C-alpha cells in the first residue's frame, strides 16, 4: 500500500478519536509533512464529512492500540 495513503488512514482515524473539531482535524492533516503528497486531496475534504466521520467513530469505532 502507498506509504502516504497508509499514514493518512492511520492519522485520520487517530484524529477522529480526539476532541478536535473538523477544521482542526483538517488542519492537523495539512500540517503533517508525511502527508504532503495528499495535501491537494486533503484541502478538498468537506468539514461536514469530517464531522460525520467523528460522530461515527465515536459511536462505532474502536480505539486503535498503538504498536511500538
C-alpha atoms as a PDB file:
ATOM      1  CA  UNK A   1       0.000   0.000   0.000  1.00  0.00           C
ATOM      2  CA  UNK A   2       1.170   3.530  -0.701  1.00  0.00           C
ATOM      3  CA  UNK A   3       3.025   4.775   2.393  1.00  0.00           C
ATOM      4  CA  UNK A   4       1.348   8.218   2.352  1.00  0.00           C
ATOM      5  CA  UNK A   5      -2.094   6.628   1.984  1.00  0.00           C
ATOM      6  CA  UNK A   6      -1.464   4.212   4.851  1.00  0.00           C
ATOM      7  CA  UNK A   7      -0.238   7.061   7.055  1.00  0.00           C
ATOM      8  CA  UNK A   8      -3.277   9.165   6.067  1.00  0.00           C
ATOM      9  CA  UNK A   9      -5.683   6.401   7.059  1.00  0.00           C
ATOM     10  CA  UNK A  10      -3.964   5.847  10.393  1.00  0.00           C
ATOM     11  CA  UNK A  11      -3.661   9.573  11.146  1.00  0.00           C
ATOM     12  CA  UNK A  12      -7.274  10.297  10.182  1.00  0.00           C
ATOM     13  CA  UNK A  13      -8.597   7.580  12.492  1.00  0.00           C
ATOM     14  CA  UNK A  14      -6.354   8.858  15.268  1.00  0.00           C
ATOM     15  CA  UNK A  15      -7.603  12.428  14.804  1.00  0.00           C
ATOM     16  CA  UNK A  16     -11.259  11.387  14.576  1.00  0.00           C
ATOM     17  CA  UNK A  17     -10.904   9.910  18.071  1.00  0.00           C
ATOM     18  CA  UNK A  18      -9.787  13.240  19.554  1.00  0.00           C
ATOM     19  CA  UNK A  19     -11.836  16.165  20.790  1.00  0.00           C
ATOM     20  CA  UNK A  20     -10.693  18.363  17.894  1.00  0.00           C
ATOM     21  CA  UNK A  21     -13.329  19.938  15.675  1.00  0.00           C
ATOM     22  CA  UNK A  22     -13.493  19.211  11.944  1.00  0.00           C
ATOM     23  CA  UNK A  23     -11.447  22.275  10.966  1.00  0.00           C
ATOM     24  CA  UNK A  24      -8.736  21.336  13.456  1.00  0.00           C
ATOM     25  CA  UNK A  25      -8.631  17.762  12.129  1.00  0.00           C
ATOM     26  CA  UNK A  26      -8.235  19.045   8.587  1.00  0.00           C
ATOM     27  CA  UNK A  27      -5.533  21.495   9.662  1.00  0.00           C
ATOM     28  CA  UNK A  28      -3.638  18.757  11.522  1.00  0.00           C
ATOM     29  CA  UNK A  29      -3.665  16.616   8.370  1.00  0.00           C
ATOM     30  CA  UNK A  30      -2.395  19.529   6.297  1.00  0.00           C
ATOM     31  CA  UNK A  31       0.410  20.201   8.776  1.00  0.00           C
ATOM     32  CA  UNK A  32       1.607  16.594   8.625  1.00  0.00           C
ATOM     33  CA  UNK A  33       4.696  16.621   6.392  1.00  0.00           C
ATOM     34  CA  UNK A  34       4.362  12.893   5.674  1.00  0.00           C
ATOM     35  CA  UNK A  35       1.023  13.645   4.028  1.00  0.00           C
ATOM     36  CA  UNK A  36       2.453  16.235   1.623  1.00  0.00           C
ATOM     37  CA  UNK A  37       1.626  14.070  -1.430  1.00  0.00           C
ATOM     38  CA  UNK A  38      -2.034  14.106  -0.337  1.00  0.00           C
ATOM     39  CA  UNK A  39      -2.362  17.769   0.679  1.00  0.00           C
ATOM     40  CA  UNK A  40      -4.235  18.685  -2.512  1.00  0.00           C
ATOM     41  CA  UNK A  41      -6.807  15.989  -1.707  1.00  0.00           C
ATOM     42  CA  UNK A  42      -6.964  16.910   1.990  1.00  0.00           C
ATOM     43  CA  UNK A  43      -7.691  20.538   1.084  1.00  0.00           C
ATOM     44  CA  UNK A  44     -10.905  19.342  -0.617  1.00  0.00           C
ATOM     45  CA  UNK A  45     -12.216  17.498   2.451  1.00  0.00           C
ATOM     46  CA  UNK A  46     -15.656  18.755   3.423  1.00  0.00           C
ATOM     47  CA  UNK A  47     -15.935  19.779   7.074  1.00  0.00           C
ATOM     48  CA  UNK A  48     -19.414  18.248   7.346  1.00  0.00           C
ATOM     49  CA  UNK A  49     -17.981  14.937   6.121  1.00  0.00           C
ATOM     50  CA  UNK A  50     -15.292  15.061   8.805  1.00  0.00           C
ATOM     51  CA  UNK A  51     -17.901  15.890  11.452  1.00  0.00           C
ATOM     52  CA  UNK A  52     -19.980  12.859  10.451  1.00  0.00           C
ATOM     53  CA  UNK A  53     -16.817  10.739  10.467  1.00  0.00           C
ATOM     54  CA  UNK A  54     -16.094  11.896  14.013  1.00  0.00           C
ATOM     55  CA  UNK A  55     -19.618  11.024  15.140  1.00  0.00           C
ATOM     56  CA  UNK A  56     -19.431   7.583  13.526  1.00  0.00           C
ATOM     57  CA  UNK A  57     -16.010   6.930  15.022  1.00  0.00           C
ATOM     58  CA  UNK A  58     -17.281   7.830  18.489  1.00  0.00           C
ATOM     59  CA  UNK A  59     -20.331   5.599  18.138  1.00  0.00           C
ATOM     60  CA  UNK A  60     -18.959   2.603  16.236  1.00  0.00           C
ATOM     61  CA  UNK A  61     -15.179   2.887  16.184  1.00  0.00           C
ATOM     62  CA  UNK A  62     -12.757   1.050  18.380  1.00  0.00           C
ATOM     63  CA  UNK A  63      -9.708   2.789  19.746  1.00  0.00           C
ATOM     64  CA  UNK A  64      -6.650   1.610  17.904  1.00  0.00           C
ATOM     65  CA  UNK A  65      -3.946   0.084  20.060  1.00  0.00           C
ATOM     66  CA  UNK A  66      -0.672   1.679  19.153  1.00  0.00           C
ATOM     67  CA  UNK A  67       2.094  -0.669  18.091  1.00  0.00           C
ATOM     68  CA  UNK A  68       5.543   0.423  19.148  1.00  0.00           C
END
